[in-house]
Amino acid sequence: MNNDEITCQTDSNKNVIDKEVYERELQMCKKLSQENGGKCAWGVCQDCGVIPFLHKLHKGELLEDPKEIKKAKSGVVG
């Protein structure tokens, strides 16, 4: 692999988005999921990558294991 090649782990830094933005976006996901029966305009919550992406941007950790993703989504999407 070329060192200049972008991967899922490229720039996995903490606090790319701060805690306030992270929590606000999670609340928006929760609200939309509840109002729309587990989906929003972007798709079905169970298949969505927004929460793992927000997790990466805030905590600097890439979630790849399905169990980790499910845990991160629990309490946010139904």
PDB file of N, CA and C in Angstrom:
ATOM      1  N   MET A   1       0.832  -1.177   0.000  1.00  0.00           N
ATOM      2  CA  MET A   1       0.000   0.000   0.000  1.00  0.00           C
ATOM      3  C   MET A   1       0.879   1.244   0.000  1.00  0.00           C
ATOM      4  N   ASN A   2       0.543   2.172  -0.823  1.00  0.00           N
ATOM      5  CA  ASN A   2       1.229   3.452  -0.900  1.00  0.00           C
ATOM      6  C   ASN A   2       0.903   4.270   0.346  1.00  0.00           C
ATOM      7  N   ASN A   3       1.893   4.917   0.938  1.00  0.00           N
ATOM      8  CA  ASN A   3       1.678   5.717   2.142  1.00  0.00           C
ATOM      9  C   ASN A   3       0.727   6.882   1.910  1.00  0.00           C
ATOM     10  N   ASP A   4       0.544   7.298   0.658  1.00  0.00           N
ATOM     11  CA  ASP A   4      -0.356   8.394   0.342  1.00  0.00           C
ATOM     12  C   ASP A   4      -1.782   7.921   0.088  1.00  0.00           C
ATOM     13  N   GLU A   5      -1.986   6.605   0.092  1.00  0.00           N
ATOM     14  CA  GLU A   5      -3.306   6.055  -0.183  1.00  0.00           C
ATOM     15  C   GLU A   5      -4.241   6.302   1.004  1.00  0.00           C
ATOM     16  N   ILE A   6      -5.436   6.755   0.714  1.00  0.00           N
ATOM     17  CA  ILE A   6      -6.429   7.014   1.753  1.00  0.00           C
ATOM     18  C   ILE A   6      -7.118   5.711   2.119  1.00  0.00           C
ATOM     19  N   THR A   7      -7.249   5.454   3.409  1.00  0.00           N
ATOM     20  CA  THR A   7      -7.954   4.284   3.912  1.00  0.00           C
ATOM     21  C   THR A   7      -9.014   4.758   4.911  1.00  0.00           C
ATOM     22  N   CYS A   8      -9.777   3.820   5.428  1.00  0.00           N
ATOM     23  CA  CYS A   8     -10.791   4.149   6.433  1.00  0.00           C
ATOM     24  C   CYS A   8     -10.164   4.700   7.717  1.00  0.00           C
ATOM     25  N   GLN A   9      -8.911   4.402   7.945  1.00  0.00           N
ATOM     26  CA  GLN A   9      -8.253   4.845   9.165  1.00  0.00           C
ATOM     27  C   GLN A   9      -7.462   6.139   8.983  1.00  0.00           C
ATOM     28  N   THR A  10      -7.405   6.647   7.765  1.00  0.00           N
ATOM     29  CA  THR A  10      -6.678   7.882   7.508  1.00  0.00           C
ATOM     30  C   THR A  10      -7.241   9.007   8.369  1.00  0.00           C
ATOM     31  N   ASP A  11      -6.369   9.714   9.041  1.00  0.00           N
ATOM     32  CA  ASP A  11      -6.740  10.857   9.876  1.00  0.00           C
ATOM     33  C   ASP A  11      -7.808  10.527  10.906  1.00  0.00           C
ATOM     34  N   SER A  12      -7.659   9.411  11.573  1.00  0.00           N
ATOM     35  CA  SER A  12      -8.581   9.056  12.652  1.00  0.00           C
ATOM     36  C   SER A  12      -8.166   9.802  13.919  1.00  0.00           C
ATOM     37  N   ASN A  13      -8.478  11.083  13.954  1.00  0.00           N
ATOM     38  CA  ASN A  13      -8.137  11.930  15.083  1.00  0.00           C
ATOM     39  C   ASN A  13      -9.364  12.180  15.939  1.00  0.00           C
ATOM     40  N   LYS A  14      -9.156  12.343  17.245  1.00  0.00           N
ATOM     41  CA  LYS A  14     -10.248  12.676  18.147  1.00  0.00           C
ATOM     42  C   LYS A  14     -10.684  14.125  17.926  1.00  0.00           C
ATOM     43  N   ASN A  15     -11.948  14.360  18.229  1.00  0.00           N
ATOM     44  CA  ASN A  15     -12.524  15.701  18.284  1.00  0.00           C
ATOM     45  C   ASN A  15     -12.458  16.486  16.983  1.00  0.00           C
ATOM     46  N   VAL A  16     -12.561  15.782  15.855  1.00  0.00           N
ATOM     47  CA  VAL A  16     -12.718  16.482  14.588  1.00  0.00           C
ATOM     48  C   VAL A  16     -14.031  17.260  14.663  1.00  0.00           C
ATOM     49  N   ILE A  17     -15.034  16.641  15.287  1.00  0.00           N
ATOM     50  CA  ILE A  17     -16.232  17.377  15.690  1.00  0.00           C
ATOM     51  C   ILE A  17     -16.286  17.309  17.215  1.00  0.00           C
ATOM     52  N   ASP A  18     -16.690  18.406  17.839  1.00  0.00           N
ATOM     53  CA  ASP A  18     -16.696  18.420  19.303  1.00  0.00           C
ATOM     54  C   ASP A  18     -17.893  17.668  19.872  1.00  0.00           C
ATOM     55  N   LYS A  19     -17.873  17.480  21.172  1.00  0.00           N
ATOM     56  CA  LYS A  19     -18.893  16.682  21.847  1.00  0.00           C
ATOM     57  C   LYS A  19     -20.289  17.256  21.630  1.00  0.00           C
ATOM     58  N   GLU A  20     -20.420  18.560  21.656  1.00  0.00           N
ATOM     59  CA  GLU A  20     -21.725  19.201  21.479  1.00  0.00           C
ATOM     60  C   GLU A  20     -22.321  18.878  20.106  1.00  0.00           C
ATOM     61  N   VAL A  21     -21.516  18.987  19.066  1.00  0.00           N
ATOM     62  CA  VAL A  21     -21.985  18.677  17.714  1.00  0.00           C
ATOM     63  C   VAL A  21     -22.303  17.186  17.607  1.00  0.00           C
ATOM     64  N   TYR A  22     -21.435  16.350  18.128  1.00  0.00           N
ATOM     65  CA  TYR A  22     -21.638  14.896  18.114  1.00  0.00           C
ATOM     66  C   TYR A  22     -22.971  14.527  18.755  1.00  0.00           C
ATOM     67  N   GLU A  23     -23.217  15.022  19.952  1.00  0.00           N
ATOM     68  CA  GLU A  23     -24.445  14.691  20.666  1.00  0.00           C
ATOM     69  C   GLU A  23     -25.679  15.268  19.977  1.00  0.00           C
ATOM     70  N   ARG A  24     -25.568  16.465  19.429  1.00  0.00           N
ATOM     71  CA  ARG A  24     -26.694  17.066  18.705  1.00  0.00           C
ATOM     72  C   ARG A  24     -27.053  16.229  17.477  1.00  0.00           C
ATOM     73  N   GLU A  25     -26.067  15.760  16.746  1.00  0.00           N
ATOM     74  CA  GLU A  25     -26.328  14.948  15.556  1.00  0.00           C
ATOM     75  C   GLU A  25     -26.922  13.587  15.929  1.00  0.00           C
ATOM     76  N   LEU A  26     -26.458  13.002  17.036  1.00  0.00           N
ATOM     77  CA  LEU A  26     -27.057  11.753  17.500  1.00  0.00           C
ATOM     78  C   LEU A  26     -28.523  11.964  17.871  1.00  0.00           C
ATOM     79  N   GLN A  27     -28.820  13.092  18.508  1.00  0.00           N
ATOM     80  CA  GLN A  27     -30.211  13.390  18.865  1.00  0.00           C
ATOM     81  C   GLN A  27     -31.070  13.573  17.620  1.00  0.00           C
ATOM     82  N   MET A  28     -30.507  14.164  16.576  1.00  0.00           N
ATOM     83  CA  MET A  28     -31.248  14.323  15.330  1.00  0.00           C
ATOM     84  C   MET A  28     -31.546  12.956  14.722  1.00  0.00           C
ATOM     85  N   CYS A  29     -30.586  12.046  14.751  1.00  0.00           N
ATOM     86  CA  CYS A  29     -30.812  10.684  14.253  1.00  0.00           C
ATOM     87  C   CYS A  29     -31.923  10.015  15.049  1.00  0.00           C
ATOM     88  N   LYS A  30     -31.864  10.153  16.361  1.00  0.00           N
ATOM     89  CA  LYS A  30     -32.870   9.533  17.220  1.00  0.00           C
ATOM     90  C   LYS A  30     -34.256  10.089  16.917  1.00  0.00           C
ATOM     91  N   LYS A  31     -34.347  11.392  16.799  1.00  0.00           N
ATOM     92  CA  LYS A  31     -35.630  12.041  16.529  1.00  0.00           C
ATOM     93  C   LYS A  31     -36.207  11.575  15.189  1.00  0.00           C
ATOM     94  N   LEU A  32     -35.391  11.595  14.155  1.00  0.00           N
ATOM     95  CA  LEU A  32     -35.858  11.188  12.834  1.00  0.00           C
ATOM     96  C   LEU A  32     -36.235   9.708  12.805  1.00  0.00           C
ATOM     97  N   SER A  33     -35.467   8.879  13.492  1.00  0.00           N
ATOM     98  CA  SER A  33     -35.762   7.450  13.546  1.00  0.00           C
ATOM     99  C   SER A  33     -37.115   7.207  14.210  1.00  0.00           C
ATOM    100  N   GLN A  34     -37.360   7.899  15.309  1.00  0.00           N
ATOM    101  CA  GLN A  34     -38.629   7.737  16.025  1.00  0.00           C
ATOM    102  C   GLN A  34     -39.800   8.264  15.204  1.00  0.00           C
ATOM    103  N   GLU A  35     -39.632   9.410  14.574  1.00  0.00           N
ATOM    104  CA  GLU A  35     -40.712  10.032  13.809  1.00  0.00           C
ATOM    105  C   GLU A  35     -41.048   9.279  12.525  1.00  0.00           C
ATOM    106  N   ASN A  36     -40.060   8.600  11.956  1.00  0.00           N
ATOM    107  CA  ASN A  36     -40.231   7.987  10.642  1.00  0.00           C
ATOM    108  C   ASN A  36     -40.125   6.467  10.641  1.00  0.00           C
ATOM    109  N   GLY A  37     -40.310   5.858  11.801  1.00  0.00           N
ATOM    110  CA  GLY A  37     -40.315   4.397  11.857  1.00  0.00           C
ATOM    111  C   GLY A  37     -39.008   3.737  11.481  1.00  0.00           C
ATOM    112  N   GLY A  38     -37.890   4.277  11.968  1.00  0.00           N
ATOM    113  CA  GLY A  38     -36.592   3.641  11.730  1.00  0.00           C
ATOM    114  C   GLY A  38     -35.941   3.994  10.410  1.00  0.00           C
ATOM    115  N   LYS A  39     -36.285   5.167   9.875  1.00  0.00           N
ATOM    116  CA  LYS A  39     -35.647   5.607   8.629  1.00  0.00           C
ATOM    117  C   LYS A  39     -35.706   7.130   8.549  1.00  0.00           C
ATOM    118  N   CYS A  40     -34.920   7.664   7.659  1.00  0.00           N
ATOM    119  CA  CYS A  40     -34.969   9.092   7.347  1.00  0.00           C
ATOM    120  C   CYS A  40     -34.782   9.227   5.834  1.00  0.00           C
ATOM    121  N   ALA A  41     -34.610  10.427   5.359  1.00  0.00           N
ATOM    122  CA  ALA A  41     -34.459  10.654   3.921  1.00  0.00           C
ATOM    123  C   ALA A  41     -33.204   9.990   3.351  1.00  0.00           C
ATOM    124  N   TRP A  42     -32.239   9.652   4.215  1.00  0.00           N
ATOM    125  CA  TRP A  42     -31.002   9.031   3.750  1.00  0.00           C
ATOM    126  C   TRP A  42     -31.094   7.517   3.689  1.00  0.00           C
ATOM    127  N   GLY A  43     -32.124   6.933   4.318  1.00  0.00           N
ATOM    128  CA  GLY A  43     -32.269   5.484   4.263  1.00  0.00           C
ATOM    129  C   GLY A  43     -32.742   4.883   5.564  1.00  0.00           C
ATOM    130  N   VAL A  44     -32.566   3.576   5.692  1.00  0.00           N
ATOM    131  CA  VAL A  44     -32.998   2.813   6.854  1.00  0.00           C
ATOM    132  C   VAL A  44     -31.908   2.860   7.924  1.00  0.00           C
ATOM    133  N   CYS A  45     -32.314   3.174   9.142  1.00  0.00           N
ATOM    134  CA  CYS A  45     -31.362   3.367  10.241  1.00  0.00           C
ATOM    135  C   CYS A  45     -30.450   2.164  10.476  1.00  0.00           C
ATOM    136  N   GLN A  46     -30.984   0.969  10.403  1.00  0.00           N
ATOM    137  CA  GLN A  46     -30.177  -0.227  10.665  1.00  0.00           C
ATOM    138  C   GLN A  46     -29.032  -0.385   9.668  1.00  0.00           C
ATOM    139  N   ASP A  47     -29.183   0.156   8.463  1.00  0.00           N
ATOM    140  CA  ASP A  47     -28.147   0.043   7.435  1.00  0.00           C
ATOM    141  C   ASP A  47     -27.290   1.299   7.307  1.00  0.00           C
ATOM    142  N   CYS A  48     -27.609   2.304   8.092  1.00  0.00           N
ATOM    143  CA  CYS A  48     -26.982   3.620   7.943  1.00  0.00           C
ATOM    144  C   CYS A  48     -25.572   3.669   8.541  1.00  0.00           C
ATOM    145  N   GLY A  49     -24.727   4.465   7.938  1.00  0.00           N
ATOM    146  CA  GLY A  49     -23.364   4.627   8.418  1.00  0.00           C
ATOM    147  C   GLY A  49     -23.116   5.945   9.121  1.00  0.00           C
ATOM    148  N   VAL A  50     -24.164   6.744   9.338  1.00  0.00           N
ATOM    149  CA  VAL A  50     -23.974   8.063   9.952  1.00  0.00           C
ATOM    150  C   VAL A  50     -23.437   7.950  11.371  1.00  0.00           C
ATOM    151  N   ILE A  51     -24.023   7.091  12.186  1.00  0.00           N
ATOM    152  CA  ILE A  51     -23.578   6.998  13.579  1.00  0.00           C
ATOM    153  C   ILE A  51     -22.137   6.491  13.683  1.00  0.00           C
ATOM    154  N   PRO A  52     -21.742   5.442  12.957  1.00  0.00           N
ATOM    155  CA  PRO A  52     -20.325   5.062  13.000  1.00  0.00           C
ATOM    156  C   PRO A  52     -19.399   6.177  12.486  1.00  0.00           C
ATOM    157  N   PHE A  53     -19.866   6.933  11.498  1.00  0.00           N
ATOM    158  CA  PHE A  53     -19.061   8.036  10.969  1.00  0.00           C
ATOM    159  C   PHE A  53     -18.914   9.144  12.013  1.00  0.00           C
ATOM    160  N   LEU A  54     -20.009   9.496  12.675  1.00  0.00           N
ATOM    161  CA  LEU A  54     -19.944  10.498  13.742  1.00  0.00           C
ATOM    162  C   LEU A  54     -19.011  10.025  14.854  1.00  0.00           C
ATOM    163  N   HIS A  55     -19.084   8.735  15.182  1.00  0.00           N
ATOM    164  CA  HIS A  55     -18.209   8.144  16.200  1.00  0.00           C
ATOM    165  C   HIS A  55     -16.736   8.330  15.811  1.00  0.00           C
ATOM    166  N   LYS A  56     -16.423   8.064  14.558  1.00  0.00           N
ATOM    167  CA  LYS A  56     -15.045   8.225  14.082  1.00  0.00           C
ATOM    168  C   LYS A  56     -14.600   9.685  14.187  1.00  0.00           C
ATOM    169  N   LEU A  57     -15.471  10.598  13.780  1.00  0.00           N
ATOM    170  CA  LEU A  57     -15.103  12.014  13.796  1.00  0.00           C
ATOM    171  C   LEU A  57     -14.944  12.570  15.207  1.00  0.00           C
ATOM    172  N   HIS A  58     -15.732  12.067  16.146  1.00  0.00           N
ATOM    173  CA  HIS A  58     -15.639  12.586  17.510  1.00  0.00           C
ATOM    174  C   HIS A  58     -14.621  11.831  18.364  1.00  0.00           C
ATOM    175  N   LYS A  59     -14.651  10.507  18.303  1.00  0.00           N
ATOM    176  CA  LYS A  59     -13.803   9.712  19.191  1.00  0.00           C
ATOM    177  C   LYS A  59     -12.517   9.225  18.539  1.00  0.00           C
ATOM    178  N   GLY A  60     -12.407   9.376  17.228  1.00  0.00           N
ATOM    179  CA  GLY A  60     -11.191   8.960  16.535  1.00  0.00           C
ATOM    180  C   GLY A  60     -11.042   7.455  16.411  1.00  0.00           C
ATOM    181  N   GLU A  61     -12.141   6.725  16.583  1.00  0.00           N
ATOM    182  CA  GLU A  61     -12.110   5.265  16.511  1.00  0.00           C
ATOM    183  C   GLU A  61     -12.976   4.787  15.353  1.00  0.00           C
ATOM    184  N   LEU A  62     -12.439   3.902  14.564  1.00  0.00           N
ATOM    185  CA  LEU A  62     -13.172   3.318  13.447  1.00  0.00           C
ATOM    186  C   LEU A  62     -13.927   2.090  13.933  1.00  0.00           C
ATOM    187  N   LEU A  63     -15.239   2.091  13.742  1.00  0.00           N
ATOM    188  CA  LEU A  63     -16.055   0.941  14.108  1.00  0.00           C
ATOM    189  C   LEU A  63     -16.248   0.069  12.872  1.00  0.00           C
ATOM    190  N   GLU A  64     -15.801  -1.186  12.954  1.00  0.00           N
ATOM    191  CA  GLU A  64     -15.965  -2.109  11.839  1.00  0.00           C
ATOM    192  C   GLU A  64     -16.699  -3.378  12.251  1.00  0.00           C
ATOM    193  N   ASP A  65     -16.557  -3.778  13.490  1.00  0.00           N
ATOM    194  CA  ASP A  65     -17.216  -4.983  13.977  1.00  0.00           C
ATOM    195  C   ASP A  65     -18.719  -4.726  14.088  1.00  0.00           C
ATOM    196  N   PRO A  66     -19.551  -5.592  13.500  1.00  0.00           N
ATOM    197  CA  PRO A  66     -21.005  -5.391  13.566  1.00  0.00           C
ATOM    198  C   PRO A  66     -21.542  -5.242  14.989  1.00  0.00           C
ATOM    199  N   LYS A  67     -20.932  -5.940  15.955  1.00  0.00           N
ATOM    200  CA  LYS A  67     -21.360  -5.811  17.352  1.00  0.00           C
ATOM    201  C   LYS A  67     -21.069  -4.417  17.890  1.00  0.00           C
ATOM    202  N   GLU A  68     -19.905  -3.856  17.534  1.00  0.00           N
ATOM    203  CA  GLU A  68     -19.560  -2.496  17.966  1.00  0.00           C
ATOM    204  C   GLU A  68     -20.519  -1.475  17.353  1.00  0.00           C
ATOM    205  N   ILE A  69     -20.844  -1.668  16.084  1.00  0.00           N
ATOM    206  CA  ILE A  69     -21.749  -0.749  15.389  1.00  0.00           C
ATOM    207  C   ILE A  69     -23.137  -0.813  16.025  1.00  0.00           C
ATOM    208  N   LYS A  70     -23.611  -2.022  16.293  1.00  0.00           N
ATOM    209  CA  LYS A  70     -24.920  -2.189  16.912  1.00  0.00           C
ATOM    210  C   LYS A  70     -24.940  -1.511  18.289  1.00  0.00           C
ATOM    211  N   LYS A  71     -23.877  -1.666  19.043  1.00  0.00           N
ATOM    212  CA  LYS A  71     -23.782  -1.045  20.374  1.00  0.00           C
ATOM    213  C   LYS A  71     -23.801   0.477  20.251  1.00  0.00           C
ATOM    214  N   ALA A  72     -23.082   1.026  19.287  1.00  0.00           N
ATOM    215  CA  ALA A  72     -23.045   2.476  19.093  1.00  0.00           C
ATOM    216  C   ALA A  72     -24.416   3.015  18.686  1.00  0.00           C
ATOM    217  N   LYS A  73     -25.167   2.217  17.936  1.00  0.00           N
ATOM    218  CA  LYS A  73     -26.496   2.643  17.482  1.00  0.00           C
ATOM    219  C   LYS A  73     -27.568   2.454  18.545  1.00  0.00           C
ATOM    220  N   SER A  74     -27.332   1.572  19.514  1.00  0.00           N
ATOM    221  CA  SER A  74     -28.355   1.287  20.522  1.00  0.00           C
ATOM    222  C   SER A  74     -28.682   2.556  21.299  1.00  0.00           C
ATOM    223  N   GLY A  75     -29.927   2.753  21.536  1.00  0.00           N
ATOM    224  CA  GLY A  75     -30.362   3.949  22.242  1.00  0.00           C
ATOM    225  C   GLY A  75     -30.561   5.147  21.333  1.00  0.00           C
ATOM    226  N   VAL A  76     -30.053   5.050  20.104  1.00  0.00           N
ATOM    227  CA  VAL A  76     -30.218   6.150  19.158  1.00  0.00           C
ATOM    228  C   VAL A  76     -31.266   5.782  18.131  1.00  0.00           C
ATOM    229  N   VAL A  77     -31.127   4.621  17.522  1.00  0.00           N
ATOM    230  CA  VAL A  77     -32.095   4.184  16.497  1.00  0.00           C
ATOM    231  C   VAL A  77     -32.828   2.946  17.004  1.00  0.00           C
ATOM    232  N   GLY A  78     -34.061   2.832  16.581  1.00  0.00           N
ATOM    233  CA  GLY A  78     -34.883   1.723  17.044  1.00  0.00           C
ATOM    234  C   GLY A  78     -34.983   0.588  16.086  1.00  0.00           C
TER     235      GLY A  78
END
